[in-house]
Amino acid sequence: MSAIQGVVTTPVERRADDRGFFTEILRASQWPDTFVQANHSHSRRGALRGLHYHRQQADLWYVLRGRAQVGLADLRGSGTPTIDTIVLDADEPATLFIPPGVAHGYLALTDLDLFYWVTKEYDSTDEFGVAWDDPVLSIPWELNDPILSERDASAPGLNAD
């Protein structure tokens, strides 16, 4: 259970036999919006992606391989944002629903394959960033010197003018 309203972690059942396993990840009737685009992100161990957020788009994440520390910050209200961290691990299959207005990012604790669905097709005008190490948020990342993209390394802090 997340400290942030609307963020939902849902364990999924993995049915295994001699051939391997089967897992149902997404059932549309379970979610308030329709997912319209799917993405696959591969990250090296130590890479941190984010923090990003959208005003119109929700995300549903599923780790295919590896382990990730997810950082979340609720930017929907005024005052100090509520933050939370969640570990997603392919060995403990679960989905993570992230509603609009919640900044999200992840640190690849191992080499990582993350598959995610979104409720809006990509629109650069609805994509915003916040510094991964913003002092107001103080997300307790498990690594102090992550591998960052140029965009994420230069993302503004919450109090940037």
N, C-alpha and C. Protein backbone atom coordinates (compact mmCIF):
# COMPACT_ATOMS: atom_id res chain seq x y z
N MET A 1 0.85 -1.18 0.00
CA MET A 1 0.00 0.00 0.00
C MET A 1 0.89 1.24 0.00
N SER A 2 0.63 2.15 -0.89
CA SER A 2 1.43 3.37 -0.98
C SER A 2 0.88 4.45 -0.06
N ALA A 3 1.75 5.33 0.35
CA ALA A 3 1.36 6.49 1.15
C ALA A 3 0.68 7.54 0.28
N ILE A 4 0.71 7.36 -1.04
CA ILE A 4 0.15 8.33 -1.98
C ILE A 4 -1.19 7.82 -2.51
N GLN A 5 -2.22 8.64 -2.33
CA GLN A 5 -3.56 8.26 -2.78
C GLN A 5 -3.57 8.02 -4.29
N GLY A 6 -4.16 6.91 -4.69
CA GLY A 6 -4.29 6.57 -6.10
C GLY A 6 -3.17 5.72 -6.65
N VAL A 7 -2.03 5.66 -5.96
CA VAL A 7 -0.93 4.79 -6.36
C VAL A 7 -1.27 3.39 -5.85
N VAL A 8 -1.30 2.42 -6.75
CA VAL A 8 -1.75 1.08 -6.38
C VAL A 8 -0.74 0.05 -6.85
N THR A 9 -0.25 -0.76 -5.92
CA THR A 9 0.59 -1.91 -6.26
C THR A 9 -0.29 -3.14 -6.17
N THR A 10 -0.32 -3.92 -7.25
CA THR A 10 -1.17 -5.10 -7.30
C THR A 10 -0.34 -6.33 -7.61
N PRO A 11 -0.21 -7.25 -6.65
CA PRO A 11 0.50 -8.49 -6.95
C PRO A 11 -0.24 -9.24 -8.06
N VAL A 12 0.52 -9.90 -8.91
CA VAL A 12 -0.10 -10.71 -9.96
C VAL A 12 0.32 -12.16 -9.76
N GLU A 13 -0.56 -13.06 -10.13
CA GLU A 13 -0.31 -14.48 -9.91
C GLU A 13 0.48 -15.05 -11.08
N ARG A 14 1.51 -15.78 -10.75
CA ARG A 14 2.33 -16.46 -11.76
C ARG A 14 2.01 -17.94 -11.66
N ARG A 15 1.50 -18.49 -12.76
CA ARG A 15 1.17 -19.92 -12.80
C ARG A 15 2.30 -20.65 -13.52
N ALA A 16 3.00 -21.50 -12.79
CA ALA A 16 4.17 -22.18 -13.34
C ALA A 16 3.93 -23.67 -13.46
N ASP A 17 4.58 -24.25 -14.46
CA ASP A 17 4.64 -25.70 -14.62
C ASP A 17 5.96 -26.04 -15.29
N ASP A 18 6.10 -27.26 -15.77
CA ASP A 18 7.37 -27.71 -16.37
C ASP A 18 7.78 -26.89 -17.59
N ARG A 19 6.83 -26.26 -18.26
CA ARG A 19 7.12 -25.49 -19.47
C ARG A 19 7.63 -24.09 -19.18
N GLY A 20 7.32 -23.57 -18.00
CA GLY A 20 7.66 -22.19 -17.66
C GLY A 20 6.55 -21.60 -16.81
N PHE A 21 6.08 -20.40 -17.17
CA PHE A 21 4.99 -19.80 -16.39
C PHE A 21 4.12 -18.92 -17.28
N PHE A 22 2.95 -18.59 -16.74
CA PHE A 22 1.99 -17.69 -17.37
C PHE A 22 1.56 -16.67 -16.32
N THR A 23 1.50 -15.40 -16.72
CA THR A 23 1.07 -14.35 -15.82
C THR A 23 0.13 -13.40 -16.55
N GLU A 24 -1.05 -13.19 -15.99
CA GLU A 24 -1.96 -12.15 -16.51
C GLU A 24 -1.55 -10.85 -15.85
N ILE A 25 -1.17 -9.86 -16.66
CA ILE A 25 -0.65 -8.60 -16.13
C ILE A 25 -1.70 -7.50 -16.14
N LEU A 26 -2.47 -7.42 -17.20
CA LEU A 26 -3.39 -6.30 -17.39
C LEU A 26 -4.78 -6.80 -17.72
N ARG A 27 -5.74 -6.33 -16.96
CA ARG A 27 -7.15 -6.56 -17.27
C ARG A 27 -7.80 -5.18 -17.27
N ALA A 28 -8.27 -4.71 -18.42
CA ALA A 28 -8.76 -3.33 -18.59
C ALA A 28 -9.85 -2.97 -17.59
N SER A 29 -10.71 -3.90 -17.24
CA SER A 29 -11.82 -3.60 -16.33
C SER A 29 -11.35 -3.24 -14.92
N GLN A 30 -10.10 -3.50 -14.62
CA GLN A 30 -9.55 -3.24 -13.28
C GLN A 30 -9.17 -1.76 -13.09
N TRP A 31 -9.05 -0.99 -14.18
CA TRP A 31 -8.50 0.36 -14.10
C TRP A 31 -9.52 1.40 -14.56
N PRO A 32 -9.41 2.63 -14.04
CA PRO A 32 -10.40 3.68 -14.34
C PRO A 32 -10.30 4.23 -15.77
N ASP A 33 -9.13 4.12 -16.40
CA ASP A 33 -8.93 4.64 -17.75
C ASP A 33 -8.45 3.52 -18.67
N THR A 34 -8.56 3.77 -19.96
CA THR A 34 -8.10 2.81 -20.96
C THR A 34 -6.63 3.08 -21.28
N PHE A 35 -5.85 2.05 -21.35
CA PHE A 35 -4.45 2.19 -21.73
C PHE A 35 -4.35 2.15 -23.25
N VAL A 36 -3.58 3.10 -23.83
CA VAL A 36 -3.56 3.26 -25.29
C VAL A 36 -2.19 3.09 -25.92
N GLN A 37 -1.15 3.01 -25.11
CA GLN A 37 0.21 2.86 -25.63
C GLN A 37 1.01 2.01 -24.66
N ALA A 38 1.88 1.16 -25.21
CA ALA A 38 2.75 0.32 -24.38
C ALA A 38 4.20 0.62 -24.73
N ASN A 39 5.07 0.60 -23.70
CA ASN A 39 6.48 0.92 -23.87
C ASN A 39 7.33 -0.09 -23.12
N HIS A 40 8.53 -0.31 -23.62
CA HIS A 40 9.50 -1.19 -22.97
C HIS A 40 10.76 -0.37 -22.76
N SER A 41 11.23 -0.31 -21.53
CA SER A 41 12.43 0.43 -21.18
C SER A 41 13.46 -0.54 -20.62
N HIS A 42 14.66 -0.50 -21.17
CA HIS A 42 15.76 -1.32 -20.66
C HIS A 42 16.77 -0.38 -20.02
N SER A 43 17.22 -0.69 -18.82
CA SER A 43 18.18 0.15 -18.11
C SER A 43 19.30 -0.69 -17.53
N ARG A 44 20.50 -0.14 -17.58
CA ARG A 44 21.64 -0.76 -16.94
C ARG A 44 21.56 -0.56 -15.44
N ARG A 45 22.17 -1.47 -14.70
CA ARG A 45 22.25 -1.32 -13.24
C ARG A 45 22.86 0.05 -12.93
N GLY A 46 22.23 0.79 -12.02
CA GLY A 46 22.73 2.10 -11.62
C GLY A 46 22.11 3.26 -12.37
N ALA A 47 21.32 2.98 -13.40
CA ALA A 47 20.65 4.06 -14.15
C ALA A 47 19.43 4.54 -13.36
N LEU A 48 19.24 5.85 -13.34
CA LEU A 48 18.05 6.43 -12.72
C LEU A 48 17.31 7.21 -13.79
N ARG A 49 16.03 6.92 -13.96
CA ARG A 49 15.19 7.60 -14.93
C ARG A 49 14.12 8.38 -14.17
N GLY A 50 14.09 9.68 -14.40
CA GLY A 50 13.09 10.51 -13.76
C GLY A 50 13.75 11.55 -12.87
N LEU A 51 12.93 12.24 -12.22
CA LEU A 51 11.49 12.12 -11.99
C LEU A 51 10.73 12.81 -13.13
N HIS A 52 9.66 12.15 -13.60
CA HIS A 52 8.79 12.69 -14.63
C HIS A 52 7.36 12.66 -14.11
N TYR A 53 6.53 13.53 -14.67
CA TYR A 53 5.10 13.44 -14.36
C TYR A 53 4.30 14.01 -15.52
N HIS A 54 3.02 13.68 -15.51
CA HIS A 54 2.08 14.10 -16.54
C HIS A 54 0.82 14.62 -15.85
N ARG A 55 0.17 15.56 -16.46
CA ARG A 55 -1.10 16.07 -15.90
C ARG A 55 -2.29 15.30 -16.44
N GLN A 56 -2.12 14.63 -17.59
CA GLN A 56 -3.24 13.95 -18.24
C GLN A 56 -3.08 12.43 -18.32
N GLN A 57 -1.93 11.92 -18.03
CA GLN A 57 -1.61 10.52 -18.31
C GLN A 57 -1.33 9.73 -17.05
N ALA A 58 -1.90 8.53 -16.97
CA ALA A 58 -1.58 7.56 -15.92
C ALA A 58 -0.67 6.49 -16.52
N ASP A 59 0.12 5.85 -15.67
CA ASP A 59 1.03 4.78 -16.07
C ASP A 59 0.70 3.51 -15.30
N LEU A 60 0.97 2.38 -15.92
CA LEU A 60 0.90 1.07 -15.25
C LEU A 60 2.21 0.36 -15.56
N TRP A 61 3.02 0.09 -14.52
CA TRP A 61 4.35 -0.48 -14.69
C TRP A 61 4.38 -1.95 -14.30
N TYR A 62 5.25 -2.69 -15.00
CA TYR A 62 5.48 -4.11 -14.70
C TYR A 62 6.94 -4.44 -15.01
N VAL A 63 7.67 -4.97 -14.06
CA VAL A 63 9.07 -5.34 -14.26
C VAL A 63 9.12 -6.74 -14.87
N LEU A 64 9.71 -6.82 -16.06
CA LEU A 64 9.89 -8.10 -16.74
C LEU A 64 11.13 -8.83 -16.23
N ARG A 65 12.19 -8.05 -15.96
CA ARG A 65 13.46 -8.64 -15.53
C ARG A 65 14.17 -7.63 -14.65
N GLY A 66 14.66 -8.10 -13.51
CA GLY A 66 15.46 -7.25 -12.64
C GLY A 66 14.69 -6.70 -11.46
N ARG A 67 15.27 -5.63 -10.91
CA ARG A 67 14.75 -5.05 -9.66
C ARG A 67 14.93 -3.54 -9.74
N ALA A 68 13.89 -2.80 -9.35
CA ALA A 68 13.92 -1.34 -9.41
C ALA A 68 13.42 -0.72 -8.12
N GLN A 69 14.06 0.36 -7.72
CA GLN A 69 13.55 1.19 -6.63
C GLN A 69 12.78 2.33 -7.30
N VAL A 70 11.50 2.42 -7.02
CA VAL A 70 10.65 3.46 -7.59
C VAL A 70 10.51 4.59 -6.60
N GLY A 71 10.74 5.82 -7.05
CA GLY A 71 10.52 7.01 -6.24
C GLY A 71 9.28 7.73 -6.74
N LEU A 72 8.40 8.11 -5.82
CA LEU A 72 7.13 8.75 -6.15
C LEU A 72 6.95 10.02 -5.32
N ALA A 73 6.38 11.05 -5.94
CA ALA A 73 6.09 12.30 -5.22
C ALA A 73 4.75 12.83 -5.71
N ASP A 74 3.82 13.02 -4.80
CA ASP A 74 2.48 13.50 -5.14
C ASP A 74 2.52 15.03 -5.30
N LEU A 75 2.43 15.49 -6.54
CA LEU A 75 2.49 16.92 -6.85
C LEU A 75 1.10 17.51 -7.12
N ARG A 76 0.06 16.79 -6.75
CA ARG A 76 -1.31 17.24 -7.06
C ARG A 76 -1.85 18.29 -6.11
N GLY A 77 -1.25 18.48 -4.97
CA GLY A 77 -1.78 19.44 -4.00
C GLY A 77 -0.80 20.54 -3.71
N SER A 78 -1.15 21.36 -2.73
CA SER A 78 -0.23 22.40 -2.28
C SER A 78 0.48 21.91 -1.03
N GLY A 79 1.52 22.61 -0.65
CA GLY A 79 2.27 22.20 0.53
C GLY A 79 3.35 21.20 0.15
N THR A 80 3.95 20.59 1.16
CA THR A 80 5.01 19.63 0.93
C THR A 80 4.43 18.36 0.34
N PRO A 81 4.98 17.91 -0.81
CA PRO A 81 4.45 16.69 -1.44
C PRO A 81 4.68 15.45 -0.58
N THR A 82 3.75 14.53 -0.65
CA THR A 82 3.94 13.21 -0.04
C THR A 82 4.85 12.41 -0.95
N ILE A 83 5.85 11.76 -0.37
CA ILE A 83 6.73 10.90 -1.17
C ILE A 83 6.61 9.46 -0.69
N ASP A 84 7.02 8.55 -1.57
CA ASP A 84 7.02 7.14 -1.24
C ASP A 84 8.06 6.46 -2.11
N THR A 85 8.58 5.35 -1.65
CA THR A 85 9.44 4.50 -2.46
C THR A 85 8.90 3.08 -2.39
N ILE A 86 8.99 2.41 -3.52
CA ILE A 86 8.49 1.04 -3.65
C ILE A 86 9.53 0.27 -4.44
N VAL A 87 9.78 -0.97 -4.06
CA VAL A 87 10.66 -1.82 -4.84
C VAL A 87 9.81 -2.74 -5.70
N LEU A 88 10.07 -2.72 -7.00
CA LEU A 88 9.45 -3.67 -7.93
C LEU A 88 10.50 -4.69 -8.32
N ASP A 89 10.12 -5.96 -8.27
CA ASP A 89 11.07 -7.04 -8.50
C ASP A 89 10.41 -8.09 -9.39
N ALA A 90 11.08 -8.48 -10.46
CA ALA A 90 10.52 -9.48 -11.37
C ALA A 90 10.25 -10.80 -10.67
N ASP A 91 10.99 -11.09 -9.59
CA ASP A 91 10.77 -12.34 -8.85
C ASP A 91 9.53 -12.28 -7.95
N GLU A 92 8.98 -11.10 -7.75
CA GLU A 92 7.74 -10.92 -6.98
C GLU A 92 6.79 -10.10 -7.86
N PRO A 93 6.21 -10.72 -8.89
CA PRO A 93 5.49 -9.97 -9.92
C PRO A 93 4.32 -9.14 -9.36
N ALA A 94 4.30 -7.87 -9.81
CA ALA A 94 3.25 -6.95 -9.40
C ALA A 94 3.19 -5.83 -10.44
N THR A 95 2.04 -5.17 -10.51
CA THR A 95 1.92 -3.96 -11.31
C THR A 95 1.89 -2.77 -10.37
N LEU A 96 2.27 -1.61 -10.92
CA LEU A 96 2.24 -0.36 -10.16
C LEU A 96 1.48 0.65 -10.99
N PHE A 97 0.34 1.13 -10.47
CA PHE A 97 -0.46 2.16 -11.14
C PHE A 97 -0.07 3.51 -10.58
N ILE A 98 0.26 4.45 -11.49
CA ILE A 98 0.69 5.79 -11.10
C ILE A 98 -0.27 6.79 -11.75
N PRO A 99 -1.08 7.49 -10.95
CA PRO A 99 -2.06 8.42 -11.51
C PRO A 99 -1.40 9.72 -12.00
N PRO A 100 -2.12 10.49 -12.82
CA PRO A 100 -1.61 11.80 -13.26
C PRO A 100 -1.28 12.67 -12.05
N GLY A 101 -0.23 13.49 -12.20
CA GLY A 101 0.15 14.41 -11.13
C GLY A 101 1.10 13.83 -10.11
N VAL A 102 1.43 12.55 -10.23
CA VAL A 102 2.38 11.92 -9.32
C VAL A 102 3.70 11.77 -10.08
N ALA A 103 4.73 12.48 -9.62
CA ALA A 103 6.05 12.37 -10.23
C ALA A 103 6.61 10.99 -9.92
N HIS A 104 7.28 10.41 -10.90
CA HIS A 104 7.77 9.05 -10.76
C HIS A 104 9.11 8.89 -11.45
N GLY A 105 9.92 8.05 -10.87
CA GLY A 105 11.20 7.69 -11.45
C GLY A 105 11.64 6.38 -10.85
N TYR A 106 12.66 5.80 -11.46
CA TYR A 106 13.16 4.55 -10.90
C TYR A 106 14.66 4.44 -11.05
N LEU A 107 15.24 3.76 -10.08
CA LEU A 107 16.64 3.43 -10.06
C LEU A 107 16.76 1.95 -10.35
N ALA A 108 17.52 1.58 -11.38
CA ALA A 108 17.75 0.18 -11.71
C ALA A 108 18.74 -0.41 -10.71
N LEU A 109 18.25 -1.23 -9.81
CA LEU A 109 19.10 -1.87 -8.81
C LEU A 109 19.89 -3.03 -9.41
N THR A 110 19.41 -3.54 -10.55
CA THR A 110 20.06 -4.56 -11.36
C THR A 110 19.82 -4.14 -12.80
N ASP A 111 20.39 -4.84 -13.78
CA ASP A 111 19.94 -4.63 -15.15
C ASP A 111 18.44 -4.86 -15.14
N LEU A 112 17.71 -4.03 -15.88
CA LEU A 112 16.26 -3.96 -15.70
C LEU A 112 15.52 -3.85 -17.02
N ASP A 113 14.44 -4.59 -17.14
CA ASP A 113 13.49 -4.42 -18.23
C ASP A 113 12.15 -4.10 -17.62
N LEU A 114 11.65 -2.90 -17.92
CA LEU A 114 10.37 -2.40 -17.41
C LEU A 114 9.43 -2.24 -18.59
N PHE A 115 8.27 -2.84 -18.48
CA PHE A 115 7.22 -2.69 -19.49
C PHE A 115 6.13 -1.85 -18.86
N TYR A 116 5.63 -0.84 -19.61
CA TYR A 116 4.57 -0.02 -19.03
C TYR A 116 3.59 0.45 -20.08
N TRP A 117 2.36 0.61 -19.60
CA TRP A 117 1.25 1.08 -20.41
C TRP A 117 0.89 2.48 -19.94
N VAL A 118 0.39 3.30 -20.87
CA VAL A 118 -0.02 4.66 -20.53
C VAL A 118 -1.42 4.92 -21.08
N THR A 119 -2.12 5.87 -20.45
CA THR A 119 -3.50 6.15 -20.83
C THR A 119 -3.64 7.22 -21.91
N LYS A 120 -2.54 7.84 -22.31
CA LYS A 120 -2.53 8.82 -23.40
C LYS A 120 -1.32 8.52 -24.28
N GLU A 121 -1.48 8.71 -25.58
CA GLU A 121 -0.33 8.57 -26.46
C GLU A 121 0.67 9.66 -26.12
N TYR A 122 1.95 9.40 -26.41
CA TYR A 122 3.00 10.34 -26.04
C TYR A 122 2.68 11.74 -26.55
N ASP A 123 2.82 12.72 -25.65
CA ASP A 123 2.57 14.13 -25.96
C ASP A 123 3.59 14.93 -25.15
N SER A 124 4.57 15.50 -25.84
CA SER A 124 5.65 16.21 -25.14
C SER A 124 5.15 17.41 -24.34
N THR A 125 3.97 17.94 -24.67
CA THR A 125 3.44 19.08 -23.92
C THR A 125 2.85 18.65 -22.57
N ASP A 126 2.73 17.34 -22.35
CA ASP A 126 2.21 16.83 -21.08
C ASP A 126 3.29 16.01 -20.36
N GLU A 127 4.53 16.39 -20.55
CA GLU A 127 5.62 15.70 -19.86
C GLU A 127 6.47 16.74 -19.14
N PHE A 128 6.62 16.54 -17.84
CA PHE A 128 7.34 17.50 -16.99
C PHE A 128 8.37 16.73 -16.16
N GLY A 129 9.37 17.45 -15.69
CA GLY A 129 10.41 16.81 -14.90
C GLY A 129 10.70 17.57 -13.62
N VAL A 130 11.18 16.83 -12.64
CA VAL A 130 11.63 17.37 -11.36
C VAL A 130 12.96 16.69 -11.05
N ALA A 131 13.89 17.43 -10.48
CA ALA A 131 15.20 16.88 -10.16
C ALA A 131 15.08 15.64 -9.28
N TRP A 132 15.79 14.61 -9.66
CA TRP A 132 15.76 13.33 -8.93
C TRP A 132 16.24 13.49 -7.49
N ASP A 133 17.10 14.48 -7.27
CA ASP A 133 17.67 14.70 -5.94
C ASP A 133 17.15 15.99 -5.30
N ASP A 134 15.94 16.38 -5.67
CA ASP A 134 15.35 17.61 -5.15
C ASP A 134 15.34 17.57 -3.61
N PRO A 135 15.86 18.60 -2.95
CA PRO A 135 15.94 18.58 -1.49
C PRO A 135 14.58 18.68 -0.80
N VAL A 136 13.59 19.25 -1.46
CA VAL A 136 12.24 19.30 -0.87
C VAL A 136 11.66 17.89 -0.79
N LEU A 137 11.90 17.10 -1.84
CA LEU A 137 11.36 15.73 -1.87
C LEU A 137 12.19 14.77 -1.02
N SER A 138 13.50 14.92 -1.06
CA SER A 138 14.41 14.06 -0.30
C SER A 138 14.08 12.58 -0.45
N ILE A 139 13.91 12.13 -1.68
CA ILE A 139 13.65 10.71 -1.91
C ILE A 139 14.91 9.93 -1.51
N PRO A 140 14.76 8.91 -0.67
CA PRO A 140 15.93 8.17 -0.18
C PRO A 140 16.40 7.11 -1.18
N TRP A 141 16.99 7.57 -2.29
CA TRP A 141 17.50 6.64 -3.29
C TRP A 141 18.59 5.76 -2.70
N GLU A 142 18.70 4.54 -3.18
CA GLU A 142 19.69 3.59 -2.68
C GLU A 142 21.08 3.81 -3.28
N LEU A 143 21.22 4.82 -4.15
CA LEU A 143 22.49 5.12 -4.79
C LEU A 143 22.62 6.63 -4.90
N ASN A 144 23.76 7.19 -4.52
CA ASN A 144 23.95 8.64 -4.53
C ASN A 144 24.51 9.18 -5.83
N ASP A 145 25.06 8.32 -6.69
CA ASP A 145 25.70 8.76 -7.92
C ASP A 145 25.19 7.93 -9.10
N PRO A 146 23.91 8.07 -9.45
CA PRO A 146 23.34 7.23 -10.50
C PRO A 146 23.78 7.68 -11.90
N ILE A 147 23.55 6.82 -12.86
CA ILE A 147 23.73 7.14 -14.27
C ILE A 147 22.47 7.89 -14.71
N LEU A 148 22.64 9.11 -15.23
CA LEU A 148 21.50 9.96 -15.61
C LEU A 148 21.59 10.37 -17.07
N SER A 149 20.44 10.59 -17.69
CA SER A 149 20.42 11.22 -19.01
C SER A 149 20.71 12.71 -18.82
N GLU A 150 21.07 13.37 -19.88
CA GLU A 150 21.30 14.82 -19.80
C GLU A 150 20.02 15.53 -19.36
N ARG A 151 18.89 15.10 -19.89
CA ARG A 151 17.61 15.71 -19.53
C ARG A 151 17.31 15.56 -18.04
N ASP A 152 17.48 14.35 -17.51
CA ASP A 152 17.18 14.14 -16.09
C ASP A 152 18.20 14.84 -15.19
N ALA A 153 19.46 14.91 -15.62
CA ALA A 153 20.49 15.59 -14.83
C ALA A 153 20.23 17.09 -14.71
N SER A 154 19.53 17.66 -15.70
CA SER A 154 19.28 19.11 -15.68
C SER A 154 17.82 19.46 -15.33
N ALA A 155 17.05 18.49 -14.86
CA ALA A 155 15.66 18.78 -14.49
C ALA A 155 15.62 19.78 -13.35
N PRO A 156 14.63 20.67 -13.36
CA PRO A 156 14.56 21.71 -12.32
C PRO A 156 14.09 21.15 -10.97
N GLY A 157 14.45 21.86 -9.92
CA GLY A 157 13.92 21.53 -8.60
C GLY A 157 12.51 22.08 -8.47
N LEU A 158 11.82 21.67 -7.43
CA LEU A 158 10.45 22.14 -7.23
C LEU A 158 10.38 23.65 -7.02
N ASN A 159 11.39 24.24 -6.40
CA ASN A 159 11.37 25.67 -6.12
C ASN A 159 12.07 26.49 -7.18
N ALA A 160 12.32 25.90 -8.38
CA ALA A 160 12.97 26.65 -9.46
C ALA A 160 12.03 27.73 -9.97
N ASP A 161 12.58 28.87 -10.26
CA ASP A 161 11.77 29.98 -10.76
C ASP A 161 11.61 29.94 -12.24
